[in-house]
């Protein structure tokens, strides 16, 4: 209790004492009764109100004496607390400034503080890690585990995950004493589970992460898409794949990454019709360049129907490079290289990159144009690096008489390859 509160209490007691004295002065002492205390052969007597007042006064005096006796110890405790917090502040400032040894020493001293000790131990672990002293970090971690198992689990999980050891991170976060995990611990556990191909379990933590506000809404939405796609990608059972797909919210099933993951797994598990149907529905609803490329790459057969769908989409999106490359792939699967070459020419004009050049090289190599194929492969490598490509010679045009004249320049060469 602060000194001013004691002063107020004493004033109130004095007022009450004065009022009680005035009341007793007006009363008959015999009627109020008397209190007799015998000790050491002597009798001490007083009226009942006086005895009560003396007892209260004695209690007040004892409280005052007890406060005075404790005053040095309380002053020493306050001094130690200020010292510990000062060391914590200076230690954290040193750590953030990159003075690892100084920061670790100050934080180690501050770890003795009952309130700030856990934060000081966390900072000491980070300082020891920054110095590369594994033994010192383990010592600080052992002390932290005794003081705060939950904070120790989160810190150890973060360290293990940063070092590419997700299994150790999961083991650290699953310690019984650390449960229930705080929001950051749940987030670390979800990421560690995804790293060991247990994204289905990680996806199940999204509800708790959303409820506890572990991430901003945008980042949580991104994580949800990543985990949903990963949970589908890792599925090896067709029934489980269908169960996970149906359990996902409708909004999530419109995400290109999630649809692509489902289509790849459905195709791999033999559900070709389902893979094609979902890709076609997604492309009809929301066009995506990566999905149309996947639509042509999937080994699901039905080349004629897929090419017919792609030709229909081309009427609506004639400048889509991914769609033109997809048509080229499908035309090659139908062994119609001249048409595939035409699509590739148009795709390159629309800014297609390394995939188009590589596919062009494959077709030229099959056609026996090895020199041109080598240059196309070289362009694919340059395009993948973001470097300027080299134009192919006019021999390519001579070998491709069916290229649409509208895509040639004044010299008769394809505009991109002149």
Protein backbone atom coordinates (compact mmCIF):
# COMPACT_ATOMS: atom_id res chain seq x y z
CA UNK A 1 0.00 0.00 0.00
CA UNK A 2 1.31 3.44 -0.89
CA UNK A 3 2.12 5.99 1.90
CA UNK A 4 -0.79 8.31 1.12
CA UNK A 5 -3.20 5.42 1.59
CA UNK A 6 -1.73 4.76 5.02
CA UNK A 7 -2.16 8.42 5.90
CA UNK A 8 -5.81 8.33 4.86
CA UNK A 9 -6.35 5.16 6.87
CA UNK A 10 -4.78 6.71 9.98
CA UNK A 11 -6.93 9.83 9.65
CA UNK A 12 -10.06 7.73 9.31
CA UNK A 13 -9.05 5.70 12.37
CA UNK A 14 -8.45 8.89 14.35
CA UNK A 15 -11.86 10.27 13.43
CA UNK A 16 -13.53 7.03 14.36
CA UNK A 17 -11.61 7.00 17.65
CA UNK A 18 -12.77 10.52 18.52
CA UNK A 19 -16.37 9.64 17.70
CA UNK A 20 -16.14 6.46 19.73
CA UNK A 21 -14.65 8.37 22.70
CA UNK A 22 -17.45 10.91 22.60
CA UNK A 23 -20.04 8.16 22.45
CA UNK A 24 -18.50 6.30 25.37
CA UNK A 25 -18.32 9.48 27.45
CA UNK A 26 -22.07 9.74 27.16
CA UNK A 27 -22.72 6.11 28.17
CA UNK A 28 -22.89 4.42 31.54
CA UNK A 29 -19.70 2.40 31.97
CA UNK A 30 -21.45 -0.22 34.08
CA UNK A 31 -24.06 -0.78 31.43
CA UNK A 32 -21.40 -1.28 28.74
CA UNK A 33 -19.62 -4.01 30.66
CA UNK A 34 -15.97 -4.42 31.62
CA UNK A 35 -13.05 -6.50 30.39
CA UNK A 36 -10.59 -7.92 32.98
CA UNK A 37 -7.22 -9.31 31.96
CA UNK A 38 -5.09 -11.16 34.54
CA UNK A 39 -1.42 -11.72 33.85
CA UNK A 40 1.67 -11.97 36.08
CA UNK A 41 -0.43 -11.61 39.24
CA UNK A 42 -1.90 -8.31 38.16
CA UNK A 43 -5.41 -7.48 37.06
CA UNK A 44 -6.09 -5.02 34.28
CA UNK A 45 -9.63 -3.90 33.75
CA UNK A 46 -11.33 -1.52 31.37
CA UNK A 47 -14.73 -0.95 29.97
CA UNK A 48 -15.64 -2.94 26.88
CA UNK A 49 -15.46 -0.01 24.44
CA UNK A 50 -12.08 1.04 25.80
CA UNK A 51 -10.78 -2.50 25.53
CA UNK A 52 -11.92 -2.69 21.91
CA UNK A 53 -10.32 0.65 21.14
CA UNK A 54 -7.06 -0.44 22.76
CA UNK A 55 -7.09 -3.68 20.79
CA UNK A 56 -7.61 -1.80 17.53
CA UNK A 57 -4.86 0.63 18.44
CA UNK A 58 -2.54 -2.26 19.16
CA UNK A 59 -3.31 -3.79 15.77
CA UNK A 60 -2.60 -0.48 14.04
CA UNK A 61 0.70 -0.14 15.90
CA UNK A 62 1.70 -3.68 14.98
CA UNK A 63 0.87 -2.99 11.32
CA UNK A 64 2.97 0.18 11.39
CA UNK A 65 5.88 -1.65 13.00
CA UNK A 66 5.60 -4.48 10.43
CA UNK A 67 5.66 -1.99 7.60
CA UNK A 68 8.73 -0.28 9.01
CA UNK A 69 10.52 -3.59 9.42
CA UNK A 70 9.71 -4.61 5.81
CA UNK A 71 10.62 -1.25 4.34
CA UNK A 72 14.33 -2.02 3.72
CA UNK A 73 13.51 -5.35 2.09
CA UNK A 74 10.84 -3.80 -0.13
CA UNK A 75 13.24 -1.03 -1.13
CA UNK A 76 15.86 -3.67 -2.00
CA UNK A 77 13.29 -5.61 -4.05
CA UNK A 78 12.29 -2.50 -5.98
CA UNK A 79 15.94 -1.75 -6.64
CA UNK A 80 16.53 -5.31 -7.95
CA UNK A 81 13.45 -5.04 -10.17
CA UNK A 82 14.59 -1.73 -11.65
CA UNK A 83 18.06 -3.16 -12.17
CA UNK A 84 16.71 -6.29 -13.88
CA UNK A 85 14.45 -4.35 -16.21
CA UNK A 86 17.25 -1.95 -17.01
CA UNK A 87 19.46 -4.89 -17.96
CA UNK A 88 16.65 -6.33 -20.05
CA UNK A 89 16.23 -3.06 -21.96
CA UNK A 90 19.95 -2.59 -22.49
CA UNK A 91 20.40 -6.24 -23.43
CA UNK A 92 17.62 -6.16 -26.04
CA UNK A 93 19.01 -2.92 -27.43
CA UNK A 94 22.45 -4.57 -27.72
CA UNK A 95 20.98 -7.64 -29.44
CA UNK A 96 19.03 -5.59 -31.96
CA UNK A 97 22.18 -3.57 -32.55
CA UNK A 98 24.19 -6.71 -33.31
CA UNK A 99 26.32 -6.64 -30.14
CA UNK A 100 25.65 -10.30 -29.43
CA UNK A 101 28.10 -10.98 -26.59
CA UNK A 102 27.20 -7.83 -24.66
CA UNK A 103 23.50 -8.43 -25.17
CA UNK A 104 23.74 -12.07 -24.07
CA UNK A 105 25.64 -11.10 -20.89
CA UNK A 106 23.11 -8.41 -19.94
CA UNK A 107 20.13 -10.63 -20.71
CA UNK A 108 21.65 -13.47 -18.72
CA UNK A 109 21.84 -11.17 -15.71
CA UNK A 110 18.26 -9.99 -16.30
CA UNK A 111 17.06 -13.60 -16.41
CA UNK A 112 17.07 -13.65 -12.60
CA UNK A 113 14.13 -11.23 -12.54
CA UNK A 114 10.88 -13.02 -11.71
CA UNK A 115 8.75 -11.04 -14.17
CA UNK A 116 11.10 -10.15 -17.04
CA UNK A 117 13.25 -13.28 -16.82
CA UNK A 118 11.46 -15.26 -19.54
CA UNK A 119 11.83 -12.48 -22.10
CA UNK A 120 15.48 -12.10 -21.15
CA UNK A 121 16.06 -15.84 -21.72
CA UNK A 122 14.45 -15.63 -25.18
CA UNK A 123 16.78 -12.77 -26.09
CA UNK A 124 19.77 -14.67 -24.72
CA UNK A 125 18.92 -17.68 -26.91
CA UNK A 126 18.75 -15.46 -30.00
CA UNK A 127 22.06 -13.81 -29.10
CA UNK A 128 23.74 -17.20 -28.62
CA UNK A 129 22.35 -18.43 -31.96
CA UNK A 130 23.65 -15.29 -33.66
CA UNK A 131 27.12 -15.99 -32.22
CA UNK A 132 26.93 -19.60 -33.38
CA UNK A 133 27.30 -20.92 -29.82
CA UNK A 134 24.99 -23.94 -29.77
CA UNK A 135 26.00 -25.00 -26.25
CA UNK A 136 25.13 -21.61 -24.76
CA UNK A 137 21.82 -21.54 -26.62
CA UNK A 138 20.93 -24.99 -25.23
CA UNK A 139 21.71 -23.82 -21.69
CA UNK A 140 19.44 -20.80 -22.01
CA UNK A 141 16.75 -23.00 -23.57
CA UNK A 142 16.91 -25.44 -20.66
CA UNK A 143 16.32 -22.60 -18.20
CA UNK A 144 13.49 -21.25 -20.35
CA UNK A 145 11.81 -24.68 -20.43
CA UNK A 146 11.63 -24.60 -16.63
CA UNK A 147 10.29 -21.07 -16.47
CA UNK A 148 7.81 -21.05 -19.38
CA UNK A 149 7.27 -24.34 -21.31
CA UNK A 150 4.89 -22.69 -23.81
CA UNK A 151 7.32 -19.96 -24.80
CA UNK A 152 10.13 -22.52 -24.95
CA UNK A 153 8.11 -24.69 -27.36
CA UNK A 154 7.38 -21.75 -29.66
CA UNK A 155 11.00 -20.58 -29.70
CA UNK A 156 12.39 -24.07 -30.28
CA UNK A 157 9.84 -24.76 -33.00
CA UNK A 158 10.78 -21.53 -34.76
CA UNK A 159 14.51 -22.37 -34.53
CA UNK A 160 14.08 -25.89 -35.88
CA UNK A 161 11.82 -24.78 -38.71
CA UNK A 162 14.30 -22.07 -39.73
CA UNK A 163 17.03 -24.74 -39.89
CA UNK A 164 15.01 -26.97 -42.17
CA UNK A 165 14.17 -29.54 -39.46
CA UNK A 166 10.35 -29.62 -39.46
CA UNK A 167 10.15 -32.98 -37.64
CA UNK A 168 12.12 -31.57 -34.70
CA UNK A 169 9.91 -28.48 -34.80
CA UNK A 170 6.77 -30.63 -34.52
CA UNK A 171 8.26 -32.61 -31.64
CA UNK A 172 9.12 -29.41 -29.77
CA UNK A 173 5.63 -27.96 -30.30
CA UNK A 174 3.84 -31.17 -29.29
CA UNK A 175 5.32 -31.28 -25.77
CA UNK A 176 2.48 -31.87 -23.31
CA UNK A 177 3.60 -29.14 -20.89
CA UNK A 178 3.39 -26.54 -23.67
CA UNK A 179 -0.29 -27.15 -24.44
CA UNK A 180 -2.43 -25.34 -25.39
CA UNK A 181 -0.17 -23.62 -27.89
CA UNK A 182 -0.44 -19.86 -28.40
CA UNK A 183 -1.43 -18.56 -31.87
CA UNK A 184 2.17 -18.33 -33.06
CA UNK A 185 2.80 -21.89 -31.95
CA UNK A 186 -0.20 -23.10 -33.95
CA UNK A 187 1.06 -21.23 -37.01
CA UNK A 188 4.53 -22.76 -36.69
CA UNK A 189 3.01 -26.21 -36.26
CA UNK A 190 0.88 -25.78 -39.40
CA UNK A 191 3.92 -24.79 -41.45
CA UNK A 192 6.00 -27.63 -40.04
CA UNK A 193 3.25 -30.16 -40.84
CA UNK A 194 3.03 -28.86 -44.41
CA UNK A 195 6.81 -29.21 -44.75
CA UNK A 196 6.64 -32.95 -43.90
CA UNK A 197 3.75 -33.57 -46.35
CA UNK A 198 1.04 -33.56 -43.67
CA UNK A 199 -0.80 -30.60 -45.12
CA UNK A 200 -4.16 -32.26 -44.41
CA UNK A 201 -3.48 -31.94 -40.68
CA UNK A 202 -2.17 -28.40 -41.14
CA UNK A 203 -5.34 -27.47 -43.02
CA UNK A 204 -7.33 -28.57 -39.98
CA UNK A 205 -5.59 -25.88 -37.87
CA UNK A 206 -6.89 -23.03 -40.01
CA UNK A 207 -10.05 -22.64 -37.94
CA UNK A 208 -8.08 -22.07 -34.74
CA UNK A 209 -5.66 -19.74 -36.54
CA UNK A 210 -8.55 -17.67 -37.88
CA UNK A 211 -10.32 -17.57 -34.52
CA UNK A 212 -7.18 -16.44 -32.67
CA UNK A 213 -6.10 -13.91 -35.29
CA UNK A 214 -2.71 -15.50 -35.83
CA UNK A 215 -2.27 -13.77 -39.22
CA UNK A 216 -3.72 -10.78 -41.05
CA UNK A 217 -6.70 -11.76 -43.25
CA UNK A 218 -4.75 -11.51 -46.52
CA UNK A 219 -1.89 -13.68 -45.28
CA UNK A 220 -4.29 -16.19 -43.75
CA UNK A 221 -6.15 -16.45 -47.07
CA UNK A 222 -2.86 -17.11 -48.88
CA UNK A 223 -1.89 -19.76 -46.33
CA UNK A 224 -5.31 -21.38 -46.70
CA UNK A 225 -4.87 -21.68 -50.48
CA UNK A 226 -1.35 -23.10 -50.05
CA UNK A 227 -2.44 -25.70 -47.50
CA UNK A 228 -5.54 -26.66 -49.45
CA UNK A 229 -3.51 -27.23 -52.63
CA UNK A 230 -0.81 -29.13 -50.73
CA UNK A 231 -3.39 -31.33 -48.97
CA UNK A 232 -4.79 -32.35 -52.37
CA UNK A 233 -1.36 -32.84 -53.93
CA UNK A 234 -0.26 -35.28 -51.21
CA UNK A 235 -3.41 -37.44 -51.42
CA UNK A 236 -2.83 -40.98 -52.70
CA UNK A 237 -6.38 -42.26 -52.28
CA UNK A 238 -9.12 -41.31 -54.71
CA UNK A 239 -11.88 -41.43 -52.10
CA UNK A 240 -9.89 -39.24 -49.71
CA UNK A 241 -9.24 -36.83 -52.58
CA UNK A 242 -12.95 -36.54 -53.27
CA UNK A 243 -13.71 -36.14 -49.56
CA UNK A 244 -11.19 -33.32 -49.13
CA UNK A 245 -12.35 -31.60 -52.30
CA UNK A 246 -16.01 -31.65 -51.30
CA UNK A 247 -15.21 -30.46 -47.76
CA UNK A 248 -13.52 -27.29 -49.02
CA UNK A 249 -15.52 -24.04 -49.22
CA UNK A 250 -16.84 -23.15 -52.67
CA UNK A 251 -14.76 -19.99 -52.76
CA UNK A 252 -11.61 -22.02 -52.20
CA UNK A 253 -12.51 -24.43 -55.00
CA UNK A 254 -12.35 -21.54 -57.47
CA UNK A 255 -8.70 -20.79 -56.69
CA UNK A 256 -6.43 -21.79 -59.63
CA UNK A 257 -3.80 -23.37 -57.36
CA UNK A 258 -6.41 -25.55 -55.65
CA UNK A 259 -8.12 -26.54 -58.90
CA UNK A 260 -4.76 -27.35 -60.47
CA UNK A 261 -3.77 -29.54 -57.53
CA UNK A 262 -7.07 -31.40 -57.67
CA UNK A 263 -6.79 -31.92 -61.43
CA UNK A 264 -3.23 -33.27 -61.19
CA UNK A 265 -4.11 -35.73 -58.45
CA UNK A 266 -7.38 -36.79 -60.05
CA UNK A 267 -5.53 -37.44 -63.30
CA UNK A 268 -2.79 -39.40 -61.52
CA UNK A 269 -5.41 -41.52 -59.71
CA UNK A 270 -7.27 -42.30 -62.94
CA UNK A 271 -10.16 -39.84 -62.60
CA UNK A 272 -9.56 -38.30 -66.03
CA UNK A 273 -13.12 -37.17 -66.63
CA UNK A 274 -13.27 -35.37 -63.26
CA UNK A 275 -9.93 -33.66 -63.88
CA UNK A 276 -11.01 -32.39 -67.31
CA UNK A 277 -14.47 -31.34 -66.14
CA UNK A 278 -13.24 -29.26 -63.21
CA UNK A 279 -10.54 -27.59 -65.31
CA UNK A 280 -13.04 -26.73 -68.05
CA UNK A 281 -15.53 -25.34 -65.53
CA UNK A 282 -12.84 -23.25 -63.87
CA UNK A 283 -11.62 -21.84 -67.19
CA UNK A 284 -15.14 -21.03 -68.28
CA UNK A 285 -15.79 -19.16 -65.02
CA UNK A 286 -12.42 -17.44 -64.41
CA UNK A 287 -9.73 -17.54 -67.05
CA UNK A 288 -6.24 -18.46 -65.85
CA UNK A 289 -3.14 -18.86 -68.03
CA UNK A 290 -1.57 -21.54 -65.81
CA UNK A 291 -4.71 -23.65 -65.77
CA UNK A 292 -5.04 -23.66 -69.55
CA UNK A 293 -1.42 -24.79 -69.80
CA UNK A 294 -2.18 -27.60 -67.34
CA UNK A 295 -5.27 -28.49 -69.38
CA UNK A 296 -3.07 -29.29 -72.37
CA UNK A 297 -0.33 -31.03 -70.36
CA UNK A 298 -2.47 -33.51 -68.40
CA UNK A 299 -2.08 -37.11 -69.64
CA UNK A 300 -5.83 -37.75 -69.75
CA UNK A 301 -6.36 -38.51 -73.43
CA UNK A 302 -9.43 -37.00 -75.11
CA UNK A 303 -7.15 -34.86 -77.27
CA UNK A 304 -9.84 -34.11 -79.84
CA UNK A 305 -12.38 -32.81 -77.30
CA UNK A 306 -9.74 -30.82 -75.45
CA UNK A 307 -8.55 -29.21 -78.67
CA UNK A 308 -12.14 -28.39 -79.62
CA UNK A 309 -12.64 -26.65 -76.29
CA UNK A 310 -9.36 -24.77 -76.70
CA UNK A 311 -10.33 -23.67 -80.22
CA UNK A 312 -13.60 -22.33 -78.82
CA UNK A 313 -11.74 -20.38 -76.12
CA UNK A 314 -9.37 -19.01 -78.76
CA UNK A 315 -12.24 -17.16 -80.40
CA UNK A 316 -12.73 -15.24 -77.17
CA UNK A 317 -9.03 -14.85 -76.26
CA UNK A 318 -7.00 -14.79 -79.50
CA UNK A 319 -4.06 -13.06 -77.81
CA UNK A 320 -3.58 -15.56 -74.96
CA UNK A 321 -0.03 -16.95 -75.22
CA UNK A 322 -0.74 -19.84 -72.84
CA UNK A 323 -3.79 -20.87 -74.86
CA UNK A 324 -1.82 -20.77 -78.13
CA UNK A 325 0.94 -22.91 -76.61
CA UNK A 326 -1.72 -25.29 -75.28
CA UNK A 327 -3.18 -25.63 -78.77
CA UNK A 328 0.32 -26.30 -80.11
CA UNK A 329 0.78 -29.11 -77.58
CA UNK A 330 -2.53 -30.67 -78.49
CA UNK A 331 -1.80 -30.36 -82.22
CA UNK A 332 1.55 -32.13 -81.69
CA UNK A 333 -0.22 -34.94 -79.84
CA UNK A 334 -2.41 -35.27 -82.96
CA UNK A 335 0.79 -35.36 -85.06
CA UNK A 336 -0.12 -32.13 -86.83
CA UNK A 337 3.21 -30.34 -86.63
CA UNK A 338 2.51 -27.61 -89.25
CA UNK A 339 -0.51 -26.41 -87.29
CA UNK A 340 1.39 -26.69 -84.00
CA UNK A 341 4.17 -24.58 -85.52
CA UNK A 342 1.64 -21.96 -86.54
CA UNK A 343 0.24 -21.77 -83.02
CA UNK A 344 3.74 -21.49 -81.58
CA UNK A 345 4.59 -18.67 -83.99
CA UNK A 346 1.53 -16.75 -82.86
CA UNK A 347 2.26 -17.51 -79.21
CA UNK A 348 5.80 -16.16 -79.50
CA UNK A 349 4.44 -13.01 -81.07
CA UNK A 350 2.16 -12.58 -78.04
CA UNK A 351 5.09 -12.85 -75.65
CA UNK A 352 5.25 -16.57 -74.86
CA UNK A 353 8.42 -17.58 -73.08
CA UNK A 354 10.66 -20.56 -72.54
CA UNK A 355 7.93 -23.23 -72.83
CA UNK A 356 7.01 -22.11 -76.34
CA UNK A 357 10.64 -22.06 -77.47
CA UNK A 358 11.24 -25.51 -75.96
CA UNK A 359 8.15 -26.93 -77.65
CA UNK A 360 9.27 -25.37 -80.92
CA UNK A 361 12.67 -27.00 -80.50
CA UNK A 362 11.07 -30.39 -79.89
CA UNK A 363 9.00 -30.09 -83.07
CA UNK A 364 11.92 -28.93 -85.18
CA UNK A 365 14.08 -31.77 -83.86
CA UNK A 366 11.40 -34.33 -84.78
CA UNK A 367 11.14 -32.72 -88.22
CA UNK A 368 14.89 -33.16 -88.72
CA UNK A 369 15.76 -29.45 -88.46
CA UNK A 370 18.45 -30.00 -85.83
CA UNK A 371 20.29 -26.71 -86.30
CA UNK A 372 17.10 -24.72 -85.90
CA UNK A 373 16.07 -26.93 -82.96
CA UNK A 374 19.36 -26.22 -81.20
CA UNK A 375 18.84 -22.49 -81.59
CA UNK A 376 15.24 -22.79 -80.32
CA UNK A 377 16.52 -24.66 -77.25
CA UNK A 378 19.11 -21.94 -76.71
CA UNK A 379 16.34 -19.33 -76.89
CA UNK A 380 14.35 -21.33 -74.33
CA UNK A 381 17.32 -21.12 -71.95
CA UNK A 382 17.75 -17.40 -72.60
CA UNK A 383 14.03 -16.76 -72.05
CA UNK A 384 14.06 -18.68 -68.76
CA UNK A 385 16.85 -16.35 -67.59
CA UNK A 386 15.01 -13.25 -68.73
CA UNK A 387 17.62 -12.48 -71.41
CA UNK A 388 16.90 -11.41 -75.03
CA UNK A 389 16.35 -14.27 -77.45
CA UNK A 390 18.09 -14.69 -80.80
CA UNK A 391 15.94 -14.61 -83.98
CA UNK A 392 15.77 -17.78 -86.04
CA UNK A 393 16.90 -17.64 -89.70
CA UNK A 394 14.51 -17.46 -92.62
CA UNK A 395 14.94 -21.19 -93.19
CA UNK A 396 12.28 -21.74 -90.56
CA UNK A 397 9.76 -19.80 -92.65
CA UNK A 398 10.68 -21.71 -95.75
CA UNK A 399 9.99 -24.92 -93.85
CA UNK A 400 6.63 -23.58 -92.73
CA UNK A 401 4.64 -22.56 -95.81
CA UNK A 402 1.34 -22.84 -93.97
CA UNK A 403 1.98 -19.96 -91.56
CA UNK A 404 -0.74 -17.35 -91.87
CA UNK A 405 0.47 -14.51 -94.19
CA UNK A 406 -1.04 -12.00 -91.83
CA UNK A 407 1.67 -12.72 -89.27
CA UNK A 408 4.55 -12.02 -91.74
CA UNK A 409 6.33 -8.72 -92.16
CA UNK A 410 7.10 -6.90 -95.40
CA UNK A 411 10.02 -9.27 -96.10
CA UNK A 412 7.88 -12.36 -95.76
CA UNK A 413 9.35 -13.35 -92.39
CA UNK A 414 7.40 -13.99 -89.19
CA UNK A 415 7.55 -10.78 -87.23
CA UNK A 416 9.14 -12.26 -84.11
CA UNK A 417 11.70 -14.38 -85.85
CA UNK A 418 13.03 -11.98 -88.45
